PDB file of N, CA and C in Angstrom:
ATOM      1  N   MET A   1       0.869  -1.208  -0.014  1.00  0.00           N
ATOM      2  CA  MET A   1       0.007   0.012   0.009  1.00  0.00           C
ATOM      3  C   MET A   1       0.920   1.245   0.003  1.00  0.00           C
ATOM      4  N   ASN A   2       0.553   2.235  -0.796  1.00  0.00           N
ATOM      5  CA  ASN A   2       1.390   3.445  -0.894  1.00  0.00           C
ATOM      6  C   ASN A   2       1.122   4.367   0.284  1.00  0.00           C
ATOM      7  N   ASN A   3       2.029   5.295   0.516  1.00  0.00           N
ATOM      8  CA  ASN A   3       1.913   6.177   1.692  1.00  0.00           C
ATOM      9  C   ASN A   3       0.628   6.956   1.741  1.00  0.00           C
ATOM     10  N   LYS A   4       0.179   7.395   0.567  1.00  0.00           N
ATOM     11  CA  LYS A   4      -1.059   8.245   0.562  1.00  0.00           C
ATOM     12  C   LYS A   4      -2.265   7.409   1.026  1.00  0.00           C
ATOM     13  N   LYS A   5      -2.320   6.148   0.629  1.00  0.00           N
ATOM     14  CA  LYS A   5      -3.390   5.289   1.045  1.00  0.00           C
ATOM     15  C   LYS A   5      -3.272   4.993   2.560  1.00  0.00           C
ATOM     16  N   VAL A   6      -2.084   4.807   3.055  1.00  0.00           N
ATOM     17  CA  VAL A   6      -1.924   4.512   4.473  1.00  0.00           C
ATOM     18  C   VAL A   6      -2.330   5.696   5.279  1.00  0.00           C
ATOM     19  N   ILE A   7      -1.924   6.859   4.900  1.00  0.00           N
ATOM     20  CA  ILE A   7      -2.292   8.107   5.595  1.00  0.00           C
ATOM     21  C   ILE A   7      -3.852   8.282   5.523  1.00  0.00           C
ATOM     22  N   GLY A   8      -4.398   8.094   4.375  1.00  0.00           N
ATOM     23  CA  GLY A   8      -5.859   8.192   4.220  1.00  0.00           C
ATOM     24  C   GLY A   8      -6.611   7.216   5.115  1.00  0.00           C
ATOM     25  N   GLN A   9      -6.090   5.966   5.185  1.00  0.00           N
ATOM     26  CA  GLN A   9      -6.721   5.012   6.114  1.00  0.00           C
ATOM     27  C   GLN A   9      -6.641   5.405   7.600  1.00  0.00           C
ATOM     28  N   LYS A  10      -5.475   5.979   7.945  1.00  0.00           N
ATOM     29  CA  LYS A  10      -5.318   6.425   9.281  1.00  0.00           C
ATOM     30  C   LYS A  10      -6.300   7.598   9.641  1.00  0.00           C
ATOM     31  N   ILE A  11      -6.534   8.479   8.668  1.00  0.00           N
ATOM     32  CA  ILE A  11      -7.453   9.628   8.851  1.00  0.00           C
ATOM     33  C   ILE A  11      -8.851   9.051   8.946  1.00  0.00           C
ATOM     34  N   ARG A  12      -9.224   8.077   8.156  1.00  0.00           N
ATOM     35  CA  ARG A  12     -10.540   7.452   8.147  1.00  0.00           C
ATOM     36  C   ARG A  12     -10.779   6.752   9.536  1.00  0.00           C
ATOM     37  N   ASP A  13      -9.781   6.012   9.996  1.00  0.00           N
ATOM     38  CA  ASP A  13      -9.840   5.296  11.255  1.00  0.00           C
ATOM     39  C   ASP A  13     -10.018   6.286  12.407  1.00  0.00           C
ATOM     40  N   LEU A  14      -9.301   7.418  12.366  1.00  0.00           N
ATOM     41  CA  LEU A  14      -9.474   8.428  13.385  1.00  0.00           C
ATOM     42  C   LEU A  14     -10.861   9.025  13.420  1.00  0.00           C
ATOM     43  N   ARG A  15     -11.389   9.325  12.228  1.00  0.00           N
ATOM     44  CA  ARG A  15     -12.684   9.889  12.150  1.00  0.00           C
ATOM     45  C   ARG A  15     -13.712   8.977  12.633  1.00  0.00           C
ATOM     46  N   LYS A  16     -13.618   7.699  12.289  1.00  0.00           N
ATOM     47  CA  LYS A  16     -14.616   6.646  12.723  1.00  0.00           C
ATOM     48  C   LYS A  16     -14.467   6.403  14.249  1.00  0.00           C
ATOM     49  N   SER A  17     -13.272   6.470  14.792  1.00  0.00           N
ATOM     50  CA  SER A  17     -13.101   6.305  16.226  1.00  0.00           C
ATOM     51  C   SER A  17     -13.744   7.454  16.982  1.00  0.00           C
ATOM     52  N   MET A  18     -13.852   8.622  16.332  1.00  0.00           N
ATOM     53  CA  MET A  18     -14.506   9.737  16.949  1.00  0.00           C
ATOM     54  C   MET A  18     -16.012   9.724  16.660  1.00  0.00           C
ATOM     55  N   LYS A  19     -16.463   8.727  15.943  1.00  0.00           N
ATOM     56  CA  LYS A  19     -17.881   8.522  15.616  1.00  0.00           C
ATOM     57  C   LYS A  19     -18.448   9.766  14.908  1.00  0.00           C
ATOM     58  N   LEU A  20     -17.626  10.248  13.911  1.00  0.00           N
ATOM     59  CA  LEU A  20     -18.057  11.444  13.137  1.00  0.00           C
ATOM     60  C   LEU A  20     -18.298  11.029  11.675  1.00  0.00           C
ATOM     61  N   THR A  21     -19.221  11.679  11.023  1.00  0.00           N
ATOM     62  CA  THR A  21     -19.439  11.471   9.604  1.00  0.00           C
ATOM     63  C   THR A  21     -18.338  12.272   8.870  1.00  0.00           C
ATOM     64  N   GLN A  22     -18.199  12.001   7.583  1.00  0.00           N
ATOM     65  CA  GLN A  22     -17.280  12.778   6.817  1.00  0.00           C
ATOM     66  C   GLN A  22     -17.643  14.251   6.853  1.00  0.00           C
ATOM     67  N   SER A  23     -18.923  14.572   6.793  1.00  0.00           N
ATOM     68  CA  SER A  23     -19.321  15.961   6.799  1.00  0.00           C
ATOM     69  C   SER A  23     -18.905  16.608   8.101  1.00  0.00           C
ATOM     70  N   GLN A  24     -19.153  15.950   9.248  1.00  0.00           N
ATOM     71  CA  GLN A  24     -18.796  16.528  10.561  1.00  0.00           C
ATOM     72  C   GLN A  24     -17.318  16.681  10.733  1.00  0.00           C
ATOM     73  N   PHE A  25     -16.556  15.686  10.306  1.00  0.00           N
ATOM     74  CA  PHE A  25     -15.091  15.735  10.388  1.00  0.00           C
ATOM     75  C   PHE A  25     -14.500  16.802   9.496  1.00  0.00           C
ATOM     76  N   ALA A  26     -14.987  16.902   8.269  1.00  0.00           N
ATOM     77  CA  ALA A  26     -14.570  17.922   7.335  1.00  0.00           C
ATOM     78  C   ALA A  26     -14.798  19.313   7.903  1.00  0.00           C
ATOM     79  N   GLU A  27     -15.933  19.545   8.512  1.00  0.00           N
ATOM     80  CA  GLU A  27     -16.226  20.846   9.099  1.00  0.00           C
ATOM     81  C   GLU A  27     -15.240  21.110  10.316  1.00  0.00           C
ATOM     82  N   LEU A  28     -14.956  20.036  11.105  1.00  0.00           N
ATOM     83  CA  LEU A  28     -14.089  20.202  12.204  1.00  0.00           C
ATOM     84  C   LEU A  28     -12.680  20.585  11.768  1.00  0.00           C
ATOM     85  N   ILE A  29     -12.176  20.065  10.669  1.00  0.00           N
ATOM     86  CA  ILE A  29     -10.791  20.318  10.227  1.00  0.00           C
ATOM     87  C   ILE A  29     -10.737  21.372   9.099  1.00  0.00           C
ATOM     88  N   ASP A  30     -11.886  21.997   8.783  1.00  0.00           N
ATOM     89  CA  ASP A  30     -11.997  23.055   7.825  1.00  0.00           C
ATOM     90  C   ASP A  30     -11.526  22.614   6.429  1.00  0.00           C
ATOM     91  N   LEU A  31     -12.212  21.520   5.984  1.00  0.00           N
ATOM     92  CA  LEU A  31     -11.979  20.962   4.662  1.00  0.00           C
ATOM     93  C   LEU A  31     -13.271  20.616   4.030  1.00  0.00           C
ATOM     94  N   SER A  32     -13.387  20.609   2.775  1.00  0.00           N
ATOM     95  CA  SER A  32     -14.619  20.212   2.079  1.00  0.00           C
ATOM     96  C   SER A  32     -14.823  18.756   2.207  1.00  0.00           C
ATOM     97  N   GLU A  33     -16.083  18.301   2.210  1.00  0.00           N
ATOM     98  CA  GLU A  33     -16.368  16.906   2.232  1.00  0.00           C
ATOM     99  C   GLU A  33     -15.706  16.131   1.068  1.00  0.00           C
ATOM    100  N   ASN A  34     -15.721  16.733  -0.111  1.00  0.00           N
ATOM    101  CA  ASN A  34     -15.121  16.164  -1.270  1.00  0.00           C
ATOM    102  C   ASN A  34     -13.598  15.917  -1.088  1.00  0.00           C
ATOM    103  N   ALA A  35     -12.961  16.959  -0.564  1.00  0.00           N
ATOM    104  CA  ALA A  35     -11.488  16.853  -0.328  1.00  0.00           C
ATOM    105  C   ALA A  35     -11.178  15.811   0.701  1.00  0.00           C
ATOM    106  N   LEU A  36     -11.994  15.725   1.756  1.00  0.00           N
ATOM    107  CA  LEU A  36     -11.786  14.723   2.791  1.00  0.00           C
ATOM    108  C   LEU A  36     -11.968  13.291   2.248  1.00  0.00           C
ATOM    109  N   GLY A  37     -12.941  13.154   1.404  1.00  0.00           N
ATOM    110  CA  GLY A  37     -13.199  11.855   0.762  1.00  0.00           C
ATOM    111  C   GLY A  37     -11.993  11.393  -0.062  1.00  0.00           C
ATOM    112  N   LYS A  38     -11.480  12.323  -0.823  1.00  0.00           N
ATOM    113  CA  LYS A  38     -10.310  12.035  -1.631  1.00  0.00           C
ATOM    114  C   LYS A  38      -9.085  11.727  -0.784  1.00  0.00           C
ATOM    115  N   LEU A  39      -8.948  12.527   0.313  1.00  0.00           N
ATOM    116  CA  LEU A  39      -7.841  12.268   1.220  1.00  0.00           C
ATOM    117  C   LEU A  39      -7.908  10.886   1.857  1.00  0.00           C
ATOM    118  N   GLU A  40      -9.112  10.441   2.246  1.00  0.00           N
ATOM    119  CA  GLU A  40      -9.281   9.149   2.854  1.00  0.00           C
ATOM    120  C   GLU A  40      -9.019   7.992   1.850  1.00  0.00           C
ATOM    121  N   ARG A  41      -9.276   8.305   0.551  1.00  0.00           N
ATOM    122  CA  ARG A  41      -9.080   7.232  -0.452  1.00  0.00           C
ATOM    123  C   ARG A  41      -7.613   7.324  -1.009  1.00  0.00           C
ATOM    124  N   GLY A  42      -6.824   8.272  -0.515  1.00  0.00           N
ATOM    125  CA  GLY A  42      -5.421   8.350  -0.961  1.00  0.00           C
ATOM    126  C   GLY A  42      -5.236   8.953  -2.263  1.00  0.00           C
ATOM    127  N   ILE A  43      -6.198   9.801  -2.689  1.00  0.00           N
ATOM    128  CA  ILE A  43      -6.093  10.528  -3.916  1.00  0.00           C
ATOM    129  C   ILE A  43      -5.462  11.874  -3.669  1.00  0.00           C
ATOM    130  N   ASN A  44      -4.492  12.264  -4.479  1.00  0.00           N
ATOM    131  CA  ASN A  44      -3.769  13.517  -4.244  1.00  0.00           C
ATOM    132  C   ASN A  44      -4.731  14.700  -4.484  1.00  0.00           C
ATOM    133  N   ILE A  45      -4.857  15.560  -3.468  1.00  0.00           N
ATOM    134  CA  ILE A  45      -5.741  16.726  -3.607  1.00  0.00           C
ATOM    135  C   ILE A  45      -4.911  17.977  -3.708  1.00  0.00           C
ATOM    136  N   GLY A  46      -3.596  17.820  -3.776  1.00  0.00           N
ATOM    137  CA  GLY A  46      -2.729  19.022  -3.863  1.00  0.00           C
ATOM    138  C   GLY A  46      -2.252  19.497  -2.506  1.00  0.00           C
ATOM    139  N   PRO A  47      -1.488  20.548  -2.495  1.00  0.00           N
ATOM    140  CA  PRO A  47      -0.931  21.018  -1.221  1.00  0.00           C
ATOM    141  C   PRO A  47      -2.005  21.698  -0.383  1.00  0.00           C
ATOM    142  N   ALA A  48      -1.847  21.627   0.906  1.00  0.00           N
ATOM    143  CA  ALA A  48      -2.760  22.305   1.797  1.00  0.00           C
ATOM    144  C   ALA A  48      -2.410  23.792   1.807  1.00  0.00           C
ATOM    145  N   THR A  49      -3.415  24.631   1.881  1.00  0.00           N
ATOM    146  CA  THR A  49      -3.174  26.048   1.907  1.00  0.00           C
ATOM    147  C   THR A  49      -3.490  26.625   3.252  1.00  0.00           C
TER     148      THR A  49
END
């Protein structure tokens, strides 16, 4: 598994351990739901700003 996918899985695991939906977690970390979904799947969304 590549690093992006490993990081994405860790983010997903953290979100689920907090019992949050993607929408709730995205709002908490000030990220769009779409970007969070891509991040969790290990898809490159570009540099954070």
